[in-house]
Amino acid sequence: MTWVDTAIIVVKTVILLLGGGITYIAYKAYRRTGAPSLRVLGVGFGIITLGALLAGIANQVLSVSLEMGVLINSLLVAVGFAVVMYSLYLERG
């Protein structure tokens, strides 16, 4: 394992913890207020966090190339941000 592999694992772990925390807080806020935009916001951040997790697992456990891991992560981050944007649109509507 190189220092780059170790750095990827550390950064992906931090992203998982922070993304999981944001997702949990958004879910708690949704449960408290019942606002659909908060539910969708939580889903968006959950997708972004899932992208980081799946990319890390694909690269480290399944021996998928780093490029493919970046592609997986980028696709899910793009989808997650689209969902977050939609949640902000719901707040306006």
PDB file of N, CA and C in Angstrom:
ATOM      1  N   MET A   1       0.853  -1.183   0.000  1.00  0.00           N
ATOM      2  CA  MET A   1       0.000   0.000   0.000  1.00  0.00           C
ATOM      3  C   MET A   1       0.891   1.236   0.000  1.00  0.00           C
ATOM      4  N   THR A   2       0.619   2.136  -0.923  1.00  0.00           N
ATOM      5  CA  THR A   2       1.411   3.361  -1.019  1.00  0.00           C
ATOM      6  C   THR A   2       0.799   4.451  -0.145  1.00  0.00           C
ATOM      7  N   TRP A   3       1.511   5.563  -0.059  1.00  0.00           N
ATOM      8  CA  TRP A   3       0.990   6.673   0.737  1.00  0.00           C
ATOM      9  C   TRP A   3      -0.265   7.261   0.093  1.00  0.00           C
ATOM     10  N   VAL A   4      -0.373   7.134  -1.228  1.00  0.00           N
ATOM     11  CA  VAL A   4      -1.572   7.626  -1.912  1.00  0.00           C
ATOM     12  C   VAL A   4      -2.783   6.780  -1.513  1.00  0.00           C
ATOM     13  N   ASP A   5      -2.609   5.465  -1.442  1.00  0.00           N
ATOM     14  CA  ASP A   5      -3.705   4.596  -1.000  1.00  0.00           C
ATOM     15  C   ASP A   5      -4.148   4.961   0.410  1.00  0.00           C
ATOM     16  N   THR A   6      -3.185   5.184   1.284  1.00  0.00           N
ATOM     17  CA  THR A   6      -3.505   5.558   2.667  1.00  0.00           C
ATOM     18  C   THR A   6      -4.237   6.899   2.706  1.00  0.00           C
ATOM     19  N   ALA A   7      -3.753   7.853   1.913  1.00  0.00           N
ATOM     20  CA  ALA A   7      -4.400   9.166   1.877  1.00  0.00           C
ATOM     21  C   ALA A   7      -5.833   9.052   1.359  1.00  0.00           C
ATOM     22  N   ILE A   8      -6.049   8.235   0.328  1.00  0.00           N
ATOM     23  CA  ILE A   8      -7.402   8.041  -0.203  1.00  0.00           C
ATOM     24  C   ILE A   8      -8.316   7.459   0.865  1.00  0.00           C
ATOM     25  N   ILE A   9      -7.842   6.469   1.592  1.00  0.00           N
ATOM     26  CA  ILE A   9      -8.647   5.851   2.645  1.00  0.00           C
ATOM     27  C   ILE A   9      -8.997   6.872   3.732  1.00  0.00           C
ATOM     28  N   VAL A  10      -8.020   7.675   4.129  1.00  0.00           N
ATOM     29  CA  VAL A  10      -8.264   8.681   5.176  1.00  0.00           C
ATOM     30  C   VAL A  10      -9.281   9.715   4.694  1.00  0.00           C
ATOM     31  N   VAL A  11      -9.085  10.238   3.492  1.00  0.00           N
ATOM     32  CA  VAL A  11      -9.990  11.273   2.973  1.00  0.00           C
ATOM     33  C   VAL A  11     -11.391  10.709   2.757  1.00  0.00           C
ATOM     34  N   LYS A  12     -11.506   9.501   2.213  1.00  0.00           N
ATOM     35  CA  LYS A  12     -12.827   8.889   2.008  1.00  0.00           C
ATOM     36  C   LYS A  12     -13.534   8.655   3.346  1.00  0.00           C
ATOM     37  N   THR A  13     -12.757   8.305   4.375  1.00  0.00           N
ATOM     38  CA  THR A  13     -13.348   8.113   5.707  1.00  0.00           C
ATOM     39  C   THR A  13     -13.883   9.431   6.254  1.00  0.00           C
ATOM     40  N   VAL A  14     -13.125  10.500   6.081  1.00  0.00           N
ATOM     41  CA  VAL A  14     -13.580  11.822   6.533  1.00  0.00           C
ATOM     42  C   VAL A  14     -14.842  12.227   5.773  1.00  0.00           C
ATOM     43  N   ILE A  15     -14.853  12.011   4.453  1.00  0.00           N
ATOM     44  CA  ILE A  15     -16.035  12.332   3.648  1.00  0.00           C
ATOM     45  C   ILE A  15     -17.235  11.515   4.117  1.00  0.00           C
ATOM     46  N   LEU A  16     -17.019  10.238   4.396  1.00  0.00           N
ATOM     47  CA  LEU A  16     -18.106   9.381   4.881  1.00  0.00           C
ATOM     48  C   LEU A  16     -18.664   9.896   6.205  1.00  0.00           C
ATOM     49  N   LEU A  17     -17.792  10.271   7.125  1.00  0.00           N
ATOM     50  CA  LEU A  17     -18.251  10.771   8.429  1.00  0.00           C
ATOM     51  C   LEU A  17     -18.988  12.106   8.295  1.00  0.00           C
ATOM     52  N   LEU A  18     -18.407  13.040   7.555  1.00  0.00           N
ATOM     53  CA  LEU A  18     -19.054  14.350   7.392  1.00  0.00           C
ATOM     54  C   LEU A  18     -20.350  14.246   6.594  1.00  0.00           C
ATOM     55  N   GLY A  19     -20.318  13.505   5.491  1.00  0.00           N
ATOM     56  CA  GLY A  19     -21.523  13.331   4.680  1.00  0.00           C
ATOM     57  C   GLY A  19     -22.619  12.607   5.434  1.00  0.00           C
ATOM     58  N   GLY A  20     -22.219  11.598   6.191  1.00  0.00           N
ATOM     59  CA  GLY A  20     -23.201  10.886   7.021  1.00  0.00           C
ATOM     60  C   GLY A  20     -23.803  11.799   8.074  1.00  0.00           C
ATOM     61  N   GLY A  21     -22.972  12.662   8.654  1.00  0.00           N
ATOM     62  CA  GLY A  21     -23.469  13.621   9.644  1.00  0.00           C
ATOM     63  C   GLY A  21     -24.450  14.614   9.046  1.00  0.00           C
ATOM     64  N   ILE A  22     -24.119  15.154   7.879  1.00  0.00           N
ATOM     65  CA  ILE A  22     -25.019  16.097   7.201  1.00  0.00           C
ATOM     66  C   ILE A  22     -26.332  15.414   6.838  1.00  0.00           C
ATOM     67  N   THR A  23     -26.238  14.186   6.330  1.00  0.00           N
ATOM     68  CA  THR A  23     -27.435  13.434   5.958  1.00  0.00           C
ATOM     69  C   THR A  23     -28.316  13.194   7.179  1.00  0.00           C
ATOM     70  N   TYR A  24     -27.704  12.820   8.288  1.00  0.00           N
ATOM     71  CA  TYR A  24     -28.448  12.561   9.532  1.00  0.00           C
ATOM     72  C   TYR A  24     -29.116  13.830  10.054  1.00  0.00           C
ATOM     73  N   ILE A  25     -28.381  14.939  10.038  1.00  0.00           N
ATOM     74  CA  ILE A  25     -28.949  16.206  10.522  1.00  0.00           C
ATOM     75  C   ILE A  25     -30.119  16.644   9.638  1.00  0.00           C
ATOM     76  N   ALA A  26     -29.973  16.497   8.316  1.00  0.00           N
ATOM     77  CA  ALA A  26     -31.074  16.851   7.411  1.00  0.00           C
ATOM     78  C   ALA A  26     -32.290  15.966   7.678  1.00  0.00           C
ATOM     79  N   TYR A  27     -32.051  14.665   7.940  1.00  0.00           N
ATOM     80  CA  TYR A  27     -33.158  13.754   8.235  1.00  0.00           C
ATOM     81  C   TYR A  27     -33.849  14.149   9.544  1.00  0.00           C
ATOM     82  N   LYS A  28     -33.058  14.473  10.570  1.00  0.00           N
ATOM     83  CA  LYS A  28     -33.650  14.903  11.838  1.00  0.00           C
ATOM     84  C   LYS A  28     -34.473  16.174  11.663  1.00  0.00           C
ATOM     85  N   ALA A  29     -33.953  17.114  10.858  1.00  0.00           N
ATOM     86  CA  ALA A  29     -34.687  18.357  10.609  1.00  0.00           C
ATOM     87  C   ALA A  29     -35.986  18.065   9.863  1.00  0.00           C
ATOM     88  N   TYR A  30     -35.925  17.129   8.908  1.00  0.00           N
ATOM     89  CA  TYR A  30     -37.144  16.736   8.200  1.00  0.00           C
ATOM     90  C   TYR A  30     -38.165  16.141   9.159  1.00  0.00           C
ATOM     91  N   ARG A  31     -37.713  15.256  10.033  1.00  0.00           N
ATOM     92  CA  ARG A  31     -38.633  14.615  10.989  1.00  0.00           C
ATOM     93  C   ARG A  31     -39.259  15.651  11.920  1.00  0.00           C
ATOM     94  N   ARG A  32     -38.480  16.670  12.285  1.00  0.00           N
ATOM     95  CA  ARG A  32     -38.979  17.694  13.194  1.00  0.00           C
ATOM     96  C   ARG A  32     -39.966  18.635  12.503  1.00  0.00           C
ATOM     97  N   THR A  33     -39.675  19.003  11.244  1.00  0.00           N
ATOM     98  CA  THR A  33     -40.487  20.019  10.568  1.00  0.00           C
ATOM     99  C   THR A  33     -41.469  19.450   9.547  1.00  0.00           C
ATOM    100  N   GLY A  34     -41.156  18.270   9.013  1.00  0.00           N
ATOM    101  CA  GLY A  34     -41.983  17.689   7.968  1.00  0.00           C
ATOM    102  C   GLY A  34     -41.804  18.343   6.612  1.00  0.00           C
ATOM    103  N   ALA A  35     -40.776  19.197   6.471  1.00  0.00           N
ATOM    104  CA  ALA A  35     -40.540  19.915   5.205  1.00  0.00           C
ATOM    105  C   ALA A  35     -39.966  18.956   4.156  1.00  0.00           C
ATOM    106  N   PRO A  36     -40.664  18.771   3.049  1.00  0.00           N
ATOM    107  CA  PRO A  36     -40.182  17.855   2.006  1.00  0.00           C
ATOM    108  C   PRO A  36     -38.805  18.244   1.465  1.00  0.00           C
ATOM    109  N   SER A  37     -38.505  19.539   1.433  1.00  0.00           N
ATOM    110  CA  SER A  37     -37.208  19.967   0.916  1.00  0.00           C
ATOM    111  C   SER A  37     -36.056  19.438   1.769  1.00  0.00           C
ATOM    112  N   LEU A  38     -36.271  19.318   3.068  1.00  0.00           N
ATOM    113  CA  LEU A  38     -35.223  18.779   3.942  1.00  0.00           C
ATOM    114  C   LEU A  38     -35.030  17.281   3.717  1.00  0.00           C
ATOM    115  N   ARG A  39     -36.098  16.581   3.420  1.00  0.00           N
ATOM    116  CA  ARG A  39     -35.988  15.153   3.108  1.00  0.00           C
ATOM    117  C   ARG A  39     -35.183  14.956   1.833  1.00  0.00           C
ATOM    118  N   VAL A  40     -35.504  15.754   0.806  1.00  0.00           N
ATOM    119  CA  VAL A  40     -34.799  15.652  -0.467  1.00  0.00           C
ATOM    120  C   VAL A  40     -33.344  16.090  -0.305  1.00  0.00           C
ATOM    121  N   LEU A  41     -33.103  17.102   0.509  1.00  0.00           N
ATOM    122  CA  LEU A  41     -31.734  17.544   0.787  1.00  0.00           C
ATOM    123  C   LEU A  41     -30.921  16.401   1.403  1.00  0.00           C
ATOM    124  N   GLY A  42     -31.509  15.717   2.362  1.00  0.00           N
ATOM    125  CA  GLY A  42     -30.833  14.569   2.978  1.00  0.00           C
ATOM    126  C   GLY A  42     -30.531  13.472   1.976  1.00  0.00           C
ATOM    127  N   VAL A  43     -31.473  13.217   1.085  1.00  0.00           N
ATOM    128  CA  VAL A  43     -31.249  12.198   0.035  1.00  0.00           C
ATOM    129  C   VAL A  43     -30.086  12.626  -0.860  1.00  0.00           C
ATOM    130  N   GLY A  44     -30.038  13.900  -1.225  1.00  0.00           N
ATOM    131  CA  GLY A  44     -28.959  14.400  -2.078  1.00  0.00           C
ATOM    132  C   GLY A  44     -27.594  14.219  -1.434  1.00  0.00           C
ATOM    133  N   PHE A  45     -27.480  14.612  -0.182  1.00  0.00           N
ATOM    134  CA  PHE A  45     -26.203  14.439   0.506  1.00  0.00           C
ATOM    135  C   PHE A  45     -25.888  12.965   0.740  1.00  0.00           C
ATOM    136  N   GLY A  46     -26.917  12.167   0.925  1.00  0.00           N
ATOM    137  CA  GLY A  46     -26.695  10.721   1.041  1.00  0.00           C
ATOM    138  C   GLY A  46     -26.124  10.133  -0.236  1.00  0.00           C
ATOM    139  N   ILE A  47     -26.612  10.588  -1.384  1.00  0.00           N
ATOM    140  CA  ILE A  47     -26.089  10.106  -2.667  1.00  0.00           C
ATOM    141  C   ILE A  47     -24.638  10.538  -2.851  1.00  0.00           C
ATOM    142  N   ILE A  48     -24.326  11.778  -2.501  1.00  0.00           N
ATOM    143  CA  ILE A  48     -22.951  12.261  -2.608  1.00  0.00           C
ATOM    144  C   ILE A  48     -22.029  11.422  -1.716  1.00  0.00           C
ATOM    145  N   THR A  49     -22.460  11.163  -0.505  1.00  0.00           N
ATOM    146  CA  THR A  49     -21.671  10.349   0.421  1.00  0.00           C
ATOM    147  C   THR A  49     -21.527   8.926  -0.083  1.00  0.00           C
ATOM    148  N   LEU A  50     -22.599   8.376  -0.624  1.00  0.00           N
ATOM    149  CA  LEU A  50     -22.550   7.025  -1.189  1.00  0.00           C
ATOM    150  C   LEU A  50     -21.546   6.956  -2.337  1.00  0.00           C
ATOM    151  N   GLY A  51     -21.461   8.007  -3.134  1.00  0.00           N
ATOM    152  CA  GLY A  51     -20.491   8.047  -4.224  1.00  0.00           C
ATOM    153  C   GLY A  51     -19.069   7.923  -3.726  1.00  0.00           C
ATOM    154  N   ALA A  52     -18.757   8.648  -2.669  1.00  0.00           N
ATOM    155  CA  ALA A  52     -17.412   8.565  -2.095  1.00  0.00           C
ATOM    156  C   ALA A  52     -17.152   7.173  -1.538  1.00  0.00           C
ATOM    157  N   LEU A  53     -18.128   6.611  -0.868  1.00  0.00           N
ATOM    158  CA  LEU A  53     -17.977   5.279  -0.282  1.00  0.00           C
ATOM    159  C   LEU A  53     -17.789   4.215  -1.357  1.00  0.00           C
ATOM    160  N   LEU A  54     -18.652   4.225  -2.375  1.00  0.00           N
ATOM    161  CA  LEU A  54     -18.562   3.216  -3.432  1.00  0.00           C
ATOM    162  C   LEU A  54     -17.268   3.332  -4.224  1.00  0.00           C
ATOM    163  N   ALA A  55     -16.833   4.555  -4.485  1.00  0.00           N
ATOM    164  CA  ALA A  55     -15.580   4.735  -5.211  1.00  0.00           C
ATOM    165  C   ALA A  55     -14.405   4.198  -4.409  1.00  0.00           C
ATOM    166  N   GLY A  56     -14.401   4.462  -3.121  1.00  0.00           N
ATOM    167  CA  GLY A  56     -13.331   3.954  -2.259  1.00  0.00           C
ATOM    168  C   GLY A  56     -13.336   2.438  -2.185  1.00  0.00           C
ATOM    169  N   ILE A  57     -14.509   1.854  -2.036  1.00  0.00           N
ATOM    170  CA  ILE A  57     -14.618   0.387  -1.978  1.00  0.00           C
ATOM    171  C   ILE A  57     -14.202  -0.222  -3.308  1.00  0.00           C
ATOM    172  N   ALA A  58     -14.650   0.374  -4.400  1.00  0.00           N
ATOM    173  CA  ALA A  58     -14.309  -0.154  -5.723  1.00  0.00           C
ATOM    174  C   ALA A  58     -12.802  -0.153  -5.931  1.00  0.00           C
ATOM    175  N   ASN A  59     -12.148   0.927  -5.514  1.00  0.00           N
ATOM    176  CA  ASN A  59     -10.709   1.041  -5.728  1.00  0.00           C
ATOM    177  C   ASN A  59      -9.911   0.156  -4.775  1.00  0.00           C
ATOM    178  N   GLN A  60     -10.259   0.169  -3.502  1.00  0.00           N
ATOM    179  CA  GLN A  60      -9.449  -0.516  -2.504  1.00  0.00           C
ATOM    180  C   GLN A  60      -9.784  -1.996  -2.356  1.00  0.00           C
ATOM    181  N   VAL A  61     -11.036  -2.359  -2.450  1.00  0.00           N
ATOM    182  CA  VAL A  61     -11.455  -3.747  -2.196  1.00  0.00           C
ATOM    183  C   VAL A  61     -11.603  -4.539  -3.496  1.00  0.00           C
ATOM    184  N   LEU A  62     -12.208  -3.930  -4.492  1.00  0.00           N
ATOM    185  CA  LEU A  62     -12.497  -4.640  -5.734  1.00  0.00           C
ATOM    186  C   LEU A  62     -11.415  -4.460  -6.796  1.00  0.00           C
ATOM    187  N   SER A  63     -10.373  -3.733  -6.470  1.00  0.00           N
ATOM    188  CA  SER A  63      -9.240  -3.490  -7.372  1.00  0.00           C
ATOM    189  C   SER A  63      -9.652  -2.847  -8.700  1.00  0.00           C
ATOM    190  N   VAL A  64     -10.675  -2.005  -8.643  1.00  0.00           N
ATOM    191  CA  VAL A  64     -11.069  -1.222  -9.811  1.00  0.00           C
ATOM    192  C   VAL A  64     -10.034  -0.114  -9.971  1.00  0.00           C
ATOM    193  N   SER A  65      -9.745   0.271 -11.189  1.00  0.00           N
ATOM    194  CA  SER A  65      -8.735   1.311 -11.423  1.00  0.00           C
ATOM    195  C   SER A  65      -9.140   2.620 -10.741  1.00  0.00           C
ATOM    196  N   LEU A  66      -8.136   3.420 -10.442  1.00  0.00           N
ATOM    197  CA  LEU A  66      -8.392   4.714  -9.822  1.00  0.00           C
ATOM    198  C   LEU A  66      -9.258   5.581 -10.724  1.00  0.00           C
ATOM    199  N   GLU A  67      -9.036   5.500 -12.020  1.00  0.00           N
ATOM    200  CA  GLU A  67      -9.842   6.294 -12.961  1.00  0.00           C
ATOM    201  C   GLU A  67     -11.315   5.909 -12.895  1.00  0.00           C
ATOM    202  N   MET A  68     -11.592   4.610 -12.839  1.00  0.00           N
ATOM    203  CA  MET A  68     -12.983   4.154 -12.749  1.00  0.00           C
ATOM    204  C   MET A  68     -13.595   4.572 -11.416  1.00  0.00           C
ATOM    205  N   GLY A  69     -12.804   4.512 -10.348  1.00  0.00           N
ATOM    206  CA  GLY A  69     -13.286   4.976  -9.045  1.00  0.00           C
ATOM    207  C   GLY A  69     -13.644   6.451  -9.070  1.00  0.00           C
ATOM    208  N   VAL A  70     -12.805   7.243  -9.735  1.00  0.00           N
ATOM    209  CA  VAL A  70     -13.090   8.677  -9.861  1.00  0.00           C
ATOM    210  C   VAL A  70     -14.356   8.895 -10.677  1.00  0.00           C
ATOM    211  N   LEU A  71     -14.535   8.094 -11.731  1.00  0.00           N
ATOM    212  CA  LEU A  71     -15.744   8.208 -12.557  1.00  0.00           C
ATOM    213  C   LEU A  71     -16.991   7.875 -11.742  1.00  0.00           C
ATOM    214  N   ILE A  72     -16.949   6.786 -10.981  1.00  0.00           N
ATOM    215  CA  ILE A  72     -18.088   6.398 -10.130  1.00  0.00           C
ATOM    216  C   ILE A  72     -18.414   7.525  -9.162  1.00  0.00           C
ATOM    217  N   ASN A  73     -17.376   8.026  -8.497  1.00  0.00           N
ATOM    218  CA  ASN A  73     -17.571   9.100  -7.530  1.00  0.00           C
ATOM    219  C   ASN A  73     -18.157  10.336  -8.203  1.00  0.00           C
ATOM    220  N   SER A  74     -17.608  10.705  -9.349  1.00  0.00           N
ATOM    221  CA  SER A  74     -18.065  11.914 -10.045  1.00  0.00           C
ATOM    222  C   SER A  74     -19.515  11.803 -10.494  1.00  0.00           C
ATOM    223  N   LEU A  75     -19.898  10.647 -11.005  1.00  0.00           N
ATOM    224  CA  LEU A  75     -21.292  10.456 -11.430  1.00  0.00           C
ATOM    225  C   LEU A  75     -22.259  10.609 -10.261  1.00  0.00           C
ATOM    226  N   LEU A  76     -21.939   9.971  -9.139  1.00  0.00           N
ATOM    227  CA  LEU A  76     -22.842  10.053  -7.985  1.00  0.00           C
ATOM    228  C   LEU A  76     -22.824  11.432  -7.346  1.00  0.00           C
ATOM    229  N   VAL A  77     -21.687  12.109  -7.368  1.00  0.00           N
ATOM    230  CA  VAL A  77     -21.647  13.485  -6.861  1.00  0.00           C
ATOM    231  C   VAL A  77     -22.516  14.391  -7.741  1.00  0.00           C
ATOM    232  N   ALA A  78     -22.438  14.218  -9.054  1.00  0.00           N
ATOM    233  CA  ALA A  78     -23.264  15.026  -9.960  1.00  0.00           C
ATOM    234  C   ALA A  78     -24.752  14.785  -9.704  1.00  0.00           C
ATOM    235  N   VAL A  79     -25.136  13.523  -9.564  1.00  0.00           N
ATOM    236  CA  VAL A  79     -26.542  13.199  -9.271  1.00  0.00           C
ATOM    237  C   VAL A  79     -26.938  13.780  -7.916  1.00  0.00           C
ATOM    238  N   GLY A  80     -26.072  13.629  -6.923  1.00  0.00           N
ATOM    239  CA  GLY A  80     -26.363  14.160  -5.589  1.00  0.00           C
ATOM    240  C   GLY A  80     -26.546  15.661  -5.595  1.00  0.00           C
ATOM    241  N   PHE A  81     -25.666  16.370  -6.321  1.00  0.00           N
ATOM    242  CA  PHE A  81     -25.810  17.821  -6.397  1.00  0.00           C
ATOM    243  C   PHE A  81     -27.083  18.219  -7.136  1.00  0.00           C
ATOM    244  N   ALA A  82     -27.479  17.452  -8.127  1.00  0.00           N
ATOM    245  CA  ALA A  82     -28.742  17.726  -8.812  1.00  0.00           C
ATOM    246  C   ALA A  82     -29.910  17.590  -7.839  1.00  0.00           C
ATOM    247  N   VAL A  83     -29.861  16.581  -6.988  1.00  0.00           N
ATOM    248  CA  VAL A  83     -30.920  16.383  -5.989  1.00  0.00           C
ATOM    249  C   VAL A  83     -30.895  17.514  -4.963  1.00  0.00           C
ATOM    250  N   VAL A  84     -29.700  17.934  -4.530  1.00  0.00           N
ATOM    251  CA  VAL A  84     -29.594  19.061  -3.597  1.00  0.00           C
ATOM    252  C   VAL A  84     -30.175  20.325  -4.237  1.00  0.00           C
ATOM    253  N   MET A  85     -29.851  20.558  -5.503  1.00  0.00           N
ATOM    254  CA  MET A  85     -30.396  21.729  -6.202  1.00  0.00           C
ATOM    255  C   MET A  85     -31.926  21.652  -6.247  1.00  0.00           C
ATOM    256  N   TYR A  86     -32.447  20.481  -6.529  1.00  0.00           N
ATOM    257  CA  TYR A  86     -33.899  20.303  -6.554  1.00  0.00           C
ATOM    258  C   TYR A  86     -34.503  20.601  -5.187  1.00  0.00           C
ATOM    259  N   SER A  87     -33.823  20.173  -4.117  1.00  0.00           N
ATOM    260  CA  SER A  87     -34.348  20.439  -2.773  1.00  0.00           C
ATOM    261  C   SER A  87     -34.413  21.931  -2.501  1.00  0.00           C
ATOM    262  N   LEU A  88     -33.455  22.680  -3.015  1.00  0.00           N
ATOM    263  CA  LEU A  88     -33.473  24.133  -2.847  1.00  0.00           C
ATOM    264  C   LEU A  88     -34.597  24.760  -3.672  1.00  0.00           C
ATOM    265  N   TYR A  89     -34.891  24.178  -4.824  1.00  0.00           N
ATOM    266  CA  TYR A  89     -35.998  24.627  -5.645  1.00  0.00           C
ATOM    267  C   TYR A  89     -37.325  24.388  -4.907  1.00  0.00           C
ATOM    268  N   LEU A  90     -37.431  23.251  -4.236  1.00  0.00           N
ATOM    269  CA  LEU A  90     -38.656  22.950  -3.482  1.00  0.00           C
ATOM    270  C   LEU A  90     -38.891  23.994  -2.397  1.00  0.00           C
ATOM    271  N   GLU A  91     -37.810  24.455  -1.779  1.00  0.00           N
ATOM    272  CA  GLU A  91     -37.924  25.458  -0.730  1.00  0.00           C
ATOM    273  C   GLU A  91     -38.507  26.760  -1.268  1.00  0.00           C
ATOM    274  N   ARG A  92     -38.138  27.102  -2.496  1.00  0.00           N
ATOM    275  CA  ARG A  92     -38.656  28.321  -3.128  1.00  0.00           C
ATOM    276  C   ARG A  92     -40.102  28.182  -3.514  1.00  0.00           C
ATOM    277  N   GLY A  93     -40.469  26.962  -3.951  1.00  0.00           N
ATOM    278  CA  GLY A  93     -41.818  26.742  -4.475  1.00  0.00           C
ATOM    279  C   GLY A  93     -42.791  26.642  -3.388  1.00  0.00           C
TER     280      GLY A  93
END
